[in-house]
Amino acid sequence: GFLASFMIGLLVEGKHLFMLDEMKPWYWFSGVIGVGVVVCLVQ
């Protein structure tokens, strides 16, 4: 999912993909929550 998102993001947004102005630090933990989502769903 990361690879697909990254590649599509680069194609669609280019260098703007990396502009993360004013993003709250705890939003970065979304990927960690994704681990819980996948593990809990599979189980």
PDB file of all heavy atoms in Angstrom:
ATOM      1  N   GLY A   1       0.829  -1.212   0.000  1.00  0.00           N
ATOM      2  CA  GLY A   1       0.000   0.000   0.000  1.00  0.00           C
ATOM      3  C   GLY A   1       0.858   1.254   0.000  1.00  0.00           C
ATOM      4  O   GLY A   1       0.564   2.223  -0.697  1.00  0.00           O
ATOM      5  N   PHE A   2       1.930   1.235   0.787  1.00  0.00           N
ATOM      6  CA  PHE A   2       2.858   2.370   0.807  1.00  0.00           C
ATOM      7  C   PHE A   2       3.471   2.593  -0.567  1.00  0.00           C
ATOM      8  O   PHE A   2       3.490   3.712  -1.074  1.00  0.00           O
ATOM      9  CB  PHE A   2       3.966   2.155   1.845  1.00  0.00           C
ATOM     10  CG  PHE A   2       5.107   3.120   1.684  1.00  0.00           C
ATOM     11  CD1 PHE A   2       4.983   4.425   2.119  1.00  0.00           C
ATOM     12  CD2 PHE A   2       6.283   2.725   1.064  1.00  0.00           C
ATOM     13  CE1 PHE A   2       6.028   5.334   1.951  1.00  0.00           C
ATOM     14  CE2 PHE A   2       7.328   3.609   0.878  1.00  0.00           C
ATOM     15  CZ  PHE A   2       7.200   4.930   1.330  1.00  0.00           C
ATOM     16  N   LEU A   3       3.976   1.516  -1.161  1.00  0.00           N
ATOM     17  CA  LEU A   3       4.603   1.655  -2.480  1.00  0.00           C
ATOM     18  C   LEU A   3       3.623   2.191  -3.522  1.00  0.00           C
ATOM     19  O   LEU A   3       3.958   3.100  -4.291  1.00  0.00           O
ATOM     20  CB  LEU A   3       5.177   0.312  -2.944  1.00  0.00           C
ATOM     21  CG  LEU A   3       6.437  -0.154  -2.240  1.00  0.00           C
ATOM     22  CD1 LEU A   3       6.823  -1.554  -2.703  1.00  0.00           C
ATOM     23  CD2 LEU A   3       7.577   0.815  -2.487  1.00  0.00           C
ATOM     24  N   ALA A   4       2.423   1.640  -3.548  1.00  0.00           N
ATOM     25  CA  ALA A   4       1.416   2.089  -4.514  1.00  0.00           C
ATOM     26  C   ALA A   4       1.046   3.551  -4.265  1.00  0.00           C
ATOM     27  O   ALA A   4       0.995   4.357  -5.211  1.00  0.00           O
ATOM     28  CB  ALA A   4       0.172   1.203  -4.436  1.00  0.00           C
ATOM     29  N   SER A   5       0.815   3.913  -3.004  1.00  0.00           N
ATOM     30  CA  SER A   5       0.458   5.297  -2.671  1.00  0.00           C
ATOM     31  C   SER A   5       1.577   6.256  -3.041  1.00  0.00           C
ATOM     32  O   SER A   5       1.335   7.338  -3.584  1.00  0.00           O
ATOM     33  CB  SER A   5       0.174   5.437  -1.172  1.00  0.00           C
ATOM     34  OG  SER A   5      -0.912   4.667  -0.797  1.00  0.00           O
ATOM     35  N   PHE A   6       2.793   5.859  -2.732  1.00  0.00           N
ATOM     36  CA  PHE A   6       3.950   6.710  -3.005  1.00  0.00           C
ATOM     37  C   PHE A   6       4.123   6.938  -4.498  1.00  0.00           C
ATOM     38  O   PHE A   6       4.305   8.073  -4.950  1.00  0.00           O
ATOM     39  CB  PHE A   6       5.203   6.081  -2.393  1.00  0.00           C
ATOM     40  CG  PHE A   6       6.400   6.976  -2.421  1.00  0.00           C
ATOM     41  CD1 PHE A   6       6.462   8.091  -1.604  1.00  0.00           C
ATOM     42  CD2 PHE A   6       7.474   6.696  -3.256  1.00  0.00           C
ATOM     43  CE1 PHE A   6       7.565   8.921  -1.612  1.00  0.00           C
ATOM     44  CE2 PHE A   6       8.578   7.513  -3.274  1.00  0.00           C
ATOM     45  CZ  PHE A   6       8.626   8.632  -2.458  1.00  0.00           C
ATOM     46  N   MET A   7       4.025   5.861  -5.282  1.00  0.00           N
ATOM     47  CA  MET A   7       4.204   5.980  -6.734  1.00  0.00           C
ATOM     48  C   MET A   7       3.087   6.820  -7.354  1.00  0.00           C
ATOM     49  O   MET A   7       3.354   7.713  -8.165  1.00  0.00           O
ATOM     50  CB  MET A   7       4.244   4.592  -7.368  1.00  0.00           C
ATOM     51  CG  MET A   7       5.297   3.685  -6.792  1.00  0.00           C
ATOM     52  SD  MET A   7       6.857   3.860  -7.574  1.00  0.00           S
ATOM     53  CE  MET A   7       6.703   2.659  -8.843  1.00  0.00           C
ATOM     54  N   ILE A   8       1.850   6.551  -6.977  1.00  0.00           N
ATOM     55  CA  ILE A   8       0.722   7.311  -7.519  1.00  0.00           C
ATOM     56  C   ILE A   8       0.802   8.763  -7.057  1.00  0.00           C
ATOM     57  O   ILE A   8       0.558   9.687  -7.835  1.00  0.00           O
ATOM     58  CB  ILE A   8      -0.623   6.665  -7.127  1.00  0.00           C
ATOM     59  CG1 ILE A   8      -0.758   5.300  -7.817  1.00  0.00           C
ATOM     60  CG2 ILE A   8      -1.799   7.566  -7.485  1.00  0.00           C
ATOM     61  CD1 ILE A   8      -1.894   4.440  -7.292  1.00  0.00           C
ATOM     62  N   GLY A   9       1.176   8.967  -5.794  1.00  0.00           N
ATOM     63  CA  GLY A   9       1.338  10.327  -5.278  1.00  0.00           C
ATOM     64  C   GLY A   9       2.378  11.112  -6.040  1.00  0.00           C
ATOM     65  O   GLY A   9       2.173  12.290  -6.361  1.00  0.00           O
ATOM     66  N   LEU A  10       3.500  10.482  -6.350  1.00  0.00           N
ATOM     67  CA  LEU A  10       4.528  11.163  -7.133  1.00  0.00           C
ATOM     68  C   LEU A  10       4.031  11.507  -8.529  1.00  0.00           C
ATOM     69  O   LEU A  10       4.294  12.602  -9.046  1.00  0.00           O
ATOM     70  CB  LEU A  10       5.786  10.294  -7.235  1.00  0.00           C
ATOM     71  CG  LEU A  10       6.683  10.255  -6.004  1.00  0.00           C
ATOM     72  CD1 LEU A  10       7.827   9.264  -6.215  1.00  0.00           C
ATOM     73  CD2 LEU A  10       7.238  11.634  -5.677  1.00  0.00           C
ATOM     74  N   LEU A  11       3.306  10.581  -9.146  1.00  0.00           N
ATOM     75  CA  LEU A  11       2.771  10.845 -10.487  1.00  0.00           C
ATOM     76  C   LEU A  11       1.733  11.966 -10.483  1.00  0.00           C
ATOM     77  O   LEU A  11       1.731  12.820 -11.362  1.00  0.00           O
ATOM     78  CB  LEU A  11       2.134   9.579 -11.062  1.00  0.00           C
ATOM     79  CG  LEU A  11       3.082   8.500 -11.528  1.00  0.00           C
ATOM     80  CD1 LEU A  11       2.313   7.228 -11.887  1.00  0.00           C
ATOM     81  CD2 LEU A  11       3.891   8.978 -12.732  1.00  0.00           C
ATOM     82  N   VAL A  12       0.868  11.960  -9.505  1.00  0.00           N
ATOM     83  CA  VAL A  12      -0.242  12.911  -9.477  1.00  0.00           C
ATOM     84  C   VAL A  12       0.173  14.272  -8.911  1.00  0.00           C
ATOM     85  O   VAL A  12      -0.174  15.309  -9.467  1.00  0.00           O
ATOM     86  CB  VAL A  12      -1.432  12.342  -8.667  1.00  0.00           C
ATOM     87  CG1 VAL A  12      -2.518  13.371  -8.460  1.00  0.00           C
ATOM     88  CG2 VAL A  12      -1.986  11.109  -9.352  1.00  0.00           C
ATOM     89  N   GLU A  13       0.911  14.264  -7.802  1.00  0.00           N
ATOM     90  CA  GLU A  13       1.232  15.511  -7.112  1.00  0.00           C
ATOM     91  C   GLU A  13       2.667  15.982  -7.294  1.00  0.00           C
ATOM     92  O   GLU A  13       2.981  17.122  -6.962  1.00  0.00           O
ATOM     93  CB  GLU A  13       0.929  15.370  -5.621  1.00  0.00           C
ATOM     94  CG  GLU A  13      -0.543  15.161  -5.344  1.00  0.00           C
ATOM     95  CD  GLU A  13      -0.857  15.152  -3.866  1.00  0.00           C
ATOM     96  OE1 GLU A  13      -0.079  15.711  -3.066  1.00  0.00           O
ATOM     97  OE2 GLU A  13      -1.897  14.584  -3.511  1.00  0.00           O
ATOM     98  N   GLY A  14       3.545  15.126  -7.766  1.00  0.00           N
ATOM     99  CA  GLY A  14       4.934  15.510  -7.942  1.00  0.00           C
ATOM    100  C   GLY A  14       5.575  15.902  -6.627  1.00  0.00           C
ATOM    101  O   GLY A  14       5.336  15.291  -5.590  1.00  0.00           O
ATOM    102  N   LYS A  15       6.373  16.983  -6.657  1.00  0.00           N
ATOM    103  CA  LYS A  15       7.078  17.399  -5.435  1.00  0.00           C
ATOM    104  C   LYS A  15       6.144  17.956  -4.368  1.00  0.00           C
ATOM    105  O   LYS A  15       6.508  18.036  -3.204  1.00  0.00           O
ATOM    106  CB  LYS A  15       8.177  18.402  -5.771  1.00  0.00           C
ATOM    107  CG  LYS A  15       7.670  19.711  -6.325  1.00  0.00           C
ATOM    108  CD  LYS A  15       8.821  20.621  -6.693  1.00  0.00           C
ATOM    109  CE  LYS A  15       8.282  21.909  -7.309  1.00  0.00           C
ATOM    110  NZ  LYS A  15       9.332  22.793  -7.743  1.00  0.00           N
ATOM    111  N   HIS A  16       4.918  18.302  -4.729  1.00  0.00           N
ATOM    112  CA  HIS A  16       3.945  18.790  -3.742  1.00  0.00           C
ATOM    113  C   HIS A  16       3.530  17.688  -2.761  1.00  0.00           C
ATOM    114  O   HIS A  16       2.966  17.977  -1.712  1.00  0.00           O
ATOM    115  CB  HIS A  16       2.708  19.363  -4.436  1.00  0.00           C
ATOM    116  CG  HIS A  16       3.008  20.571  -5.262  1.00  0.00           C
ATOM    117  ND1 HIS A  16       3.317  21.784  -4.701  1.00  0.00           N
ATOM    118  CD2 HIS A  16       3.069  20.744  -6.604  1.00  0.00           C
ATOM    119  CE1 HIS A  16       3.557  22.659  -5.665  1.00  0.00           C
ATOM    120  NE2 HIS A  16       3.409  22.042  -6.828  1.00  0.00           N
ATOM    121  N   LEU A  17       3.829  16.458  -3.109  1.00  0.00           N
ATOM    122  CA  LEU A  17       3.532  15.328  -2.232  1.00  0.00           C
ATOM    123  C   LEU A  17       4.202  15.486  -0.868  1.00  0.00           C
ATOM    124  O   LEU A  17       3.683  15.035   0.144  1.00  0.00           O
ATOM    125  CB  LEU A  17       3.997  14.021  -2.898  1.00  0.00           C
ATOM    126  CG  LEU A  17       3.819  12.727  -2.131  1.00  0.00           C
ATOM    127  CD1 LEU A  17       2.332  12.402  -1.986  1.00  0.00           C
ATOM    128  CD2 LEU A  17       4.507  11.575  -2.858  1.00  0.00           C
ATOM    129  N   PHE A  18       5.339  16.156  -0.854  1.00  0.00           N
ATOM    130  CA  PHE A  18       6.127  16.270   0.373  1.00  0.00           C
ATOM    131  C   PHE A  18       5.846  17.543   1.169  1.00  0.00           C
ATOM    132  O   PHE A  18       6.498  17.801   2.165  1.00  0.00           O
ATOM    133  CB  PHE A  18       7.620  16.172   0.041  1.00  0.00           C
ATOM    134  CG  PHE A  18       7.966  14.896  -0.655  1.00  0.00           C
ATOM    135  CD1 PHE A  18       8.199  14.876  -2.026  1.00  0.00           C
ATOM    136  CD2 PHE A  18       8.013  13.705   0.041  1.00  0.00           C
ATOM    137  CE1 PHE A  18       8.494  13.700  -2.677  1.00  0.00           C
ATOM    138  CE2 PHE A  18       8.309  12.516  -0.607  1.00  0.00           C
ATOM    139  CZ  PHE A  18       8.547  12.519  -1.970  1.00  0.00           C
ATOM    140  N   MET A  19       4.890  18.348   0.735  1.00  0.00           N
ATOM    141  CA  MET A  19       4.541  19.584   1.442  1.00  0.00           C
ATOM    142  C   MET A  19       3.532  19.247   2.541  1.00  0.00           C
ATOM    143  O   MET A  19       2.363  18.989   2.259  1.00  0.00           O
ATOM    144  CB  MET A  19       3.969  20.600   0.477  1.00  0.00           C
ATOM    145  CG  MET A  19       4.870  20.880  -0.685  1.00  0.00           C
ATOM    146  SD  MET A  19       5.151  22.605  -0.827  1.00  0.00           S
ATOM    147  CE  MET A  19       6.348  22.641  -2.134  1.00  0.00           C
ATOM    148  N   LEU A  20       3.992  19.233   3.759  1.00  0.00           N
ATOM    149  CA  LEU A  20       3.153  18.841   4.899  1.00  0.00           C
ATOM    150  C   LEU A  20       3.023  19.994   5.888  1.00  0.00           C
ATOM    151  O   LEU A  20       3.189  19.828   7.095  1.00  0.00           O
ATOM    152  CB  LEU A  20       3.747  17.608   5.583  1.00  0.00           C
ATOM    153  CG  LEU A  20       3.969  16.402   4.682  1.00  0.00           C
ATOM    154  CD1 LEU A  20       4.732  15.316   5.409  1.00  0.00           C
ATOM    155  CD2 LEU A  20       2.639  15.866   4.167  1.00  0.00           C
ATOM    156  N   ASP A  21       2.711  21.163   5.373  1.00  0.00           N
ATOM    157  CA  ASP A  21       2.604  22.363   6.202  1.00  0.00           C
ATOM    158  C   ASP A  21       1.545  22.199   7.287  1.00  0.00           C
ATOM    159  O   ASP A  21       0.451  21.701   7.041  1.00  0.00           O
ATOM    160  CB  ASP A  21       2.251  23.580   5.337  1.00  0.00           C
ATOM    161  CG  ASP A  21       3.308  23.866   4.282  1.00  0.00           C
ATOM    162  OD1 ASP A  21       4.454  23.446   4.480  1.00  0.00           O
ATOM    163  OD2 ASP A  21       2.969  24.494   3.263  1.00  0.00           O
ATOM    164  N   GLU A  22       1.908  22.629   8.472  1.00  0.00           N
ATOM    165  CA  GLU A  22       0.995  22.703   9.608  1.00  0.00           C
ATOM    166  C   GLU A  22       0.297  21.383   9.937  1.00  0.00           C
ATOM    167  O   GLU A  22      -0.848  21.379  10.375  1.00  0.00           O
ATOM    168  CB  GLU A  22      -0.042  23.800   9.377  1.00  0.00           C
ATOM    169  CG  GLU A  22       0.576  25.164   9.217  1.00  0.00           C
ATOM    170  CD  GLU A  22      -0.452  26.245   8.986  1.00  0.00           C
ATOM    171  OE1 GLU A  22      -1.570  26.143   9.544  1.00  0.00           O
ATOM    172  OE2 GLU A  22      -0.145  27.192   8.261  1.00  0.00           O
ATOM    173  N   MET A  23       0.954  20.279   9.716  1.00  0.00           N
ATOM    174  CA  MET A  23       0.368  18.988  10.075  1.00  0.00           C
ATOM    175  C   MET A  23       0.685  18.692  11.533  1.00  0.00           C
ATOM    176  O   MET A  23       1.833  18.801  11.954  1.00  0.00           O
ATOM    177  CB  MET A  23       0.897  17.867   9.186  1.00  0.00           C
ATOM    178  CG  MET A  23       0.139  16.582   9.389  1.00  0.00           C
ATOM    179  SD  MET A  23       0.386  15.472   8.022  1.00  0.00           S
ATOM    180  CE  MET A  23       1.472  14.292   8.759  1.00  0.00           C
ATOM    181  N   LYS A  24      -0.319  18.330  12.282  1.00  0.00           N
ATOM    182  CA  LYS A  24      -0.130  18.029  13.699  1.00  0.00           C
ATOM    183  C   LYS A  24       0.675  16.727  13.828  1.00  0.00           C
ATOM    184  O   LYS A  24       0.442  15.775  13.088  1.00  0.00           O
ATOM    185  CB  LYS A  24      -1.473  17.904  14.387  1.00  0.00           C
ATOM    186  CG  LYS A  24      -2.303  19.173  14.227  1.00  0.00           C
ATOM    187  CD  LYS A  24      -3.226  19.359  15.365  1.00  0.00           C
ATOM    188  CE  LYS A  24      -4.171  20.493  15.115  1.00  0.00           C
ATOM    189  NZ  LYS A  24      -3.810  21.766  15.457  1.00  0.00           N
ATOM    190  N   PRO A  25       1.611  16.677  14.772  1.00  0.00           N
ATOM    191  CA  PRO A  25       2.503  15.510  14.884  1.00  0.00           C
ATOM    192  C   PRO A  25       1.778  14.183  15.091  1.00  0.00           C
ATOM    193  O   PRO A  25       2.212  13.168  14.578  1.00  0.00           O
ATOM    194  CB  PRO A  25       3.375  15.841  16.095  1.00  0.00           C
ATOM    195  CG  PRO A  25       3.298  17.320  16.256  1.00  0.00           C
ATOM    196  CD  PRO A  25       1.967  17.744  15.712  1.00  0.00           C
ATOM    197  N   TRP A  26       0.656  14.167  15.820  1.00  0.00           N
ATOM    198  CA  TRP A  26      -0.009  12.889  16.093  1.00  0.00           C
ATOM    199  C   TRP A  26      -0.682  12.305  14.857  1.00  0.00           C
ATOM    200  O   TRP A  26      -0.987  11.138  14.826  1.00  0.00           O
ATOM    201  CB  TRP A  26      -0.976  12.985  17.265  1.00  0.00           C
ATOM    202  CG  TRP A  26      -2.064  14.007  17.116  1.00  0.00           C
ATOM    203  CD1 TRP A  26      -3.231  13.864  16.424  1.00  0.00           C
ATOM    204  CD2 TRP A  26      -2.091  15.306  17.673  1.00  0.00           C
ATOM    205  NE1 TRP A  26      -3.986  15.002  16.510  1.00  0.00           N
ATOM    206  CE2 TRP A  26      -3.305  15.913  17.284  1.00  0.00           C
ATOM    207  CE3 TRP A  26      -1.214  16.041  18.466  1.00  0.00           C
ATOM    208  CZ2 TRP A  26      -3.655  17.201  17.659  1.00  0.00           C
ATOM    209  CZ3 TRP A  26      -1.576  17.319  18.824  1.00  0.00           C
ATOM    210  CH2 TRP A  26      -2.777  17.877  18.432  1.00  0.00           C
ATOM    211  N   TYR A  27      -0.882  13.096  13.815  1.00  0.00           N
ATOM    212  CA  TYR A  27      -1.467  12.553  12.582  1.00  0.00           C
ATOM    213  C   TYR A  27      -0.517  11.579  11.886  1.00  0.00           C
ATOM    214  O   TYR A  27      -0.939  10.752  11.101  1.00  0.00           O
ATOM    215  CB  TYR A  27      -1.853  13.666  11.616  1.00  0.00           C
ATOM    216  CG  TYR A  27      -2.973  14.554  12.118  1.00  0.00           C
ATOM    217  CD1 TYR A  27      -3.111  15.831  11.638  1.00  0.00           C
ATOM    218  CD2 TYR A  27      -3.878  14.119  13.079  1.00  0.00           C
ATOM    219  CE1 TYR A  27      -4.138  16.659  12.087  1.00  0.00           C
ATOM    220  CE2 TYR A  27      -4.892  14.931  13.538  1.00  0.00           C
ATOM    221  CZ  TYR A  27      -5.022  16.204  13.034  1.00  0.00           C
ATOM    222  OH  TYR A  27      -6.022  17.008  13.476  1.00  0.00           O
ATOM    223  N   TRP A  28       0.771  11.682  12.199  1.00  0.00           N
ATOM    224  CA  TRP A  28       1.753  10.781  11.613  1.00  0.00           C
ATOM    225  C   TRP A  28       1.532   9.332  12.067  1.00  0.00           C
ATOM    226  O   TRP A  28       2.018   8.405  11.443  1.00  0.00           O
ATOM    227  CB  TRP A  28       3.167  11.216  11.996  1.00  0.00           C
ATOM    228  CG  TRP A  28       3.590  12.478  11.307  1.00  0.00           C
ATOM    229  CD1 TRP A  28       3.305  13.755  11.687  1.00  0.00           C
ATOM    230  CD2 TRP A  28       4.347  12.591  10.107  1.00  0.00           C
ATOM    231  NE1 TRP A  28       3.847  14.648  10.804  1.00  0.00           N
ATOM    232  CE2 TRP A  28       4.500  13.964   9.824  1.00  0.00           C
ATOM    233  CE3 TRP A  28       4.926  11.669   9.248  1.00  0.00           C
ATOM    234  CZ2 TRP A  28       5.192  14.436   8.723  1.00  0.00           C
ATOM    235  CZ3 TRP A  28       5.627  12.142   8.153  1.00  0.00           C
ATOM    236  CH2 TRP A  28       5.748  13.490   7.887  1.00  0.00           C
ATOM    237  N   PHE A  29       0.808   9.137  13.160  1.00  0.00           N
ATOM    238  CA  PHE A  29       0.597   7.795  13.702  1.00  0.00           C
ATOM    239  C   PHE A  29      -0.521   7.032  12.996  1.00  0.00           C
ATOM    240  O   PHE A  29      -0.841   5.912  13.378  1.00  0.00           O
ATOM    241  CB  PHE A  29       0.344   7.860  15.215  1.00  0.00           C
ATOM    242  CG  PHE A  29       1.573   8.255  15.974  1.00  0.00           C
ATOM    243  CD1 PHE A  29       1.739   9.558  16.408  1.00  0.00           C
ATOM    244  CD2 PHE A  29       2.577   7.335  16.222  1.00  0.00           C
ATOM    245  CE1 PHE A  29       2.882   9.937  17.084  1.00  0.00           C
ATOM    246  CE2 PHE A  29       3.717   7.696  16.888  1.00  0.00           C
ATOM    247  CZ  PHE A  29       3.873   9.007  17.332  1.00  0.00           C
ATOM    248  N   SER A  30      -1.088   7.604  11.981  1.00  0.00           N
ATOM    249  CA  SER A  30      -2.149   6.942  11.222  1.00  0.00           C
ATOM    250  C   SER A  30      -1.692   5.588  10.686  1.00  0.00           C
ATOM    251  O   SER A  30      -2.442   4.615  10.707  1.00  0.00           O
ATOM    252  CB  SER A  30      -2.599   7.845  10.067  1.00  0.00           C
ATOM    253  OG  SER A  30      -3.530   7.188   9.269  1.00  0.00           O
ATOM    254  N   GLY A  31      -0.465   5.515  10.225  1.00  0.00           N
ATOM    255  CA  GLY A  31       0.071   4.246   9.719  1.00  0.00           C
ATOM    256  C   GLY A  31       0.159   3.183  10.793  1.00  0.00           C
ATOM    257  O   GLY A  31      -0.086   2.008  10.548  1.00  0.00           O
ATOM    258  N   VAL A  32       0.481   3.606  12.019  1.00  0.00           N
ATOM    259  CA  VAL A  32       0.541   2.670  13.139  1.00  0.00           C
ATOM    260  C   VAL A  32      -0.865   2.141  13.424  1.00  0.00           C
ATOM    261  O   VAL A  32      -1.057   0.955  13.693  1.00  0.00           O
ATOM    262  CB  VAL A  32       1.153   3.341  14.389  1.00  0.00           C
ATOM    263  CG1 VAL A  32       1.120   2.412  15.581  1.00  0.00           C
ATOM    264  CG2 VAL A  32       2.574   3.803  14.104  1.00  0.00           C
ATOM    265  N   ILE A  33      -1.849   3.016  13.339  1.00  0.00           N
ATOM    266  CA  ILE A  33      -3.237   2.589  13.516  1.00  0.00           C
ATOM    267  C   ILE A  33      -3.605   1.588  12.428  1.00  0.00           C
ATOM    268  O   ILE A  33      -4.314   0.616  12.674  1.00  0.00           O
ATOM    269  CB  ILE A  33      -4.187   3.803  13.511  1.00  0.00           C
ATOM    270  CG1 ILE A  33      -3.911   4.683  14.740  1.00  0.00           C
ATOM    271  CG2 ILE A  33      -5.641   3.367  13.473  1.00  0.00           C
ATOM    272  CD1 ILE A  33      -4.593   6.036  14.702  1.00  0.00           C
ATOM    273  N   GLY A  34      -3.093   1.807  11.217  1.00  0.00           N
ATOM    274  CA  GLY A  34      -3.335   0.878  10.107  1.00  0.00           C
ATOM    275  C   GLY A  34      -2.865  -0.534  10.422  1.00  0.00           C
ATOM    276  O   GLY A  34      -3.496  -1.516  10.012  1.00  0.00           O
ATOM    277  N   VAL A  35      -1.765  -0.665  11.163  1.00  0.00           N
ATOM    278  CA  VAL A  35      -1.292  -1.994  11.580  1.00  0.00           C
ATOM    279  C   VAL A  35      -2.362  -2.663  12.431  1.00  0.00           C
ATOM    280  O   VAL A  35      -2.713  -3.832  12.219  1.00  0.00           O
ATOM    281  CB  VAL A  35       0.048  -1.896  12.354  1.00  0.00           C
ATOM    282  CG1 VAL A  35       0.425  -3.233  12.961  1.00  0.00           C
ATOM    283  CG2 VAL A  35       1.151  -1.382  11.448  1.00  0.00           C
ATOM    284  N   GLY A  36      -2.903  -1.924  13.378  1.00  0.00           N
ATOM    285  CA  GLY A  36      -3.963  -2.468  14.220  1.00  0.00           C
ATOM    286  C   GLY A  36      -5.192  -2.852  13.413  1.00  0.00           C
ATOM    287  O   GLY A  36      -5.812  -3.889  13.660  1.00  0.00           O
ATOM    288  N   VAL A  37      -5.536  -2.031  12.433  1.00  0.00           N
ATOM    289  CA  VAL A  37      -6.694  -2.321  11.575  1.00  0.00           C
ATOM    290  C   VAL A  37      -6.505  -3.649  10.859  1.00  0.00           C
ATOM    291  O   VAL A  37      -7.370  -4.534  10.908  1.00  0.00           O
ATOM    292  CB  VAL A  37      -6.931  -1.189  10.539  1.00  0.00           C
ATOM    293  CG1 VAL A  37      -7.959  -1.600   9.503  1.00  0.00           C
ATOM    294  CG2 VAL A  37      -7.350   0.098  11.232  1.00  0.00           C
ATOM    295  N   VAL A  38      -5.373  -3.813  10.195  1.00  0.00           N
ATOM    296  CA  VAL A  38      -5.144  -5.025   9.406  1.00  0.00           C
ATOM    297  C   VAL A  38      -5.083  -6.256  10.306  1.00  0.00           C
ATOM    298  O   VAL A  38      -5.730  -7.273  10.029  1.00  0.00           O
ATOM    299  CB  VAL A  38      -3.871  -4.903   8.538  1.00  0.00           C
ATOM    300  CG1 VAL A  38      -3.553  -6.212   7.842  1.00  0.00           C
ATOM    301  CG2 VAL A  38      -4.038  -3.789   7.509  1.00  0.00           C
ATOM    302  N   VAL A  39      -4.333  -6.183  11.391  1.00  0.00           N
ATOM    303  CA  VAL A  39      -4.208  -7.338  12.287  1.00  0.00           C
ATOM    304  C   VAL A  39      -5.567  -7.717  12.868  1.00  0.00           C
ATOM    305  O   VAL A  39      -5.958  -8.895  12.856  1.00  0.00           O
ATOM    306  CB  VAL A  39      -3.182  -7.062  13.418  1.00  0.00           C
ATOM    307  CG1 VAL A  39      -3.246  -8.134  14.495  1.00  0.00           C
ATOM    308  CG2 VAL A  39      -1.778  -6.988  12.844  1.00  0.00           C
ATOM    309  N   CYS A  40      -6.298  -6.726  13.357  1.00  0.00           N
ATOM    310  CA  CYS A  40      -7.612  -7.018  13.959  1.00  0.00           C
ATOM    311  C   CYS A  40      -8.598  -7.565  12.925  1.00  0.00           C
ATOM    312  O   CYS A  40      -9.353  -8.502  13.225  1.00  0.00           O
ATOM    313  CB  CYS A  40      -8.179  -5.770  14.627  1.00  0.00           C
ATOM    314  SG  CYS A  40      -7.293  -5.303  16.128  1.00  0.00           S
ATOM    315  N   LEU A  41      -8.593  -7.005  11.718  1.00  0.00           N
ATOM    316  CA  LEU A  41      -9.494  -7.512  10.680  1.00  0.00           C
ATOM    317  C   LEU A  41      -9.167  -8.946  10.288  1.00  0.00           C
ATOM    318  O   LEU A  41     -10.056  -9.792  10.187  1.00  0.00           O
ATOM    319  CB  LEU A  41      -9.434  -6.613   9.439  1.00  0.00           C
ATOM    320  CG  LEU A  41     -10.370  -5.438   9.437  1.00  0.00           C
ATOM    321  CD1 LEU A  41     -10.063  -4.502   8.276  1.00  0.00           C
ATOM    322  CD2 LEU A  41     -11.806  -5.886   9.353  1.00  0.00           C
ATOM    323  N   VAL A  42      -7.900  -9.210  10.072  1.00  0.00           N
ATOM    324  CA  VAL A  42      -7.499 -10.558   9.675  1.00  0.00           C
ATOM    325  C   VAL A  42      -7.892 -11.568  10.751  1.00  0.00           C
ATOM    326  O   VAL A  42      -8.448 -12.633  10.462  1.00  0.00           O
ATOM    327  CB  VAL A  42      -5.983 -10.606   9.368  1.00  0.00           C
ATOM    328  CG1 VAL A  42      -5.477 -12.025   9.279  1.00  0.00           C
ATOM    329  CG2 VAL A  42      -5.672  -9.855   8.078  1.00  0.00           C
ATOM    330  N   GLN A  43      -7.625 -11.230  12.002  1.00  0.00           N
ATOM    331  CA  GLN A  43      -7.942 -12.148  13.096  1.00  0.00           C
ATOM    332  C   GLN A  43      -9.452 -12.308  13.294  1.00  0.00           C
ATOM    333  O   GLN A  43      -9.935 -13.403  13.568  1.00  0.00           O
ATOM    334  CB  GLN A  43      -7.283 -11.685  14.397  1.00  0.00           C
ATOM    335  CG  GLN A  43      -5.775 -11.824  14.394  1.00  0.00           C
ATOM    336  CD  GLN A  43      -5.340 -13.266  14.183  1.00  0.00           C
ATOM    337  OE1 GLN A  43      -5.855 -14.186  14.794  1.00  0.00           O
ATOM    338  NE2 GLN A  43      -4.374 -13.470  13.294  1.00  0.00           N
TER     339      GLN A  43
END
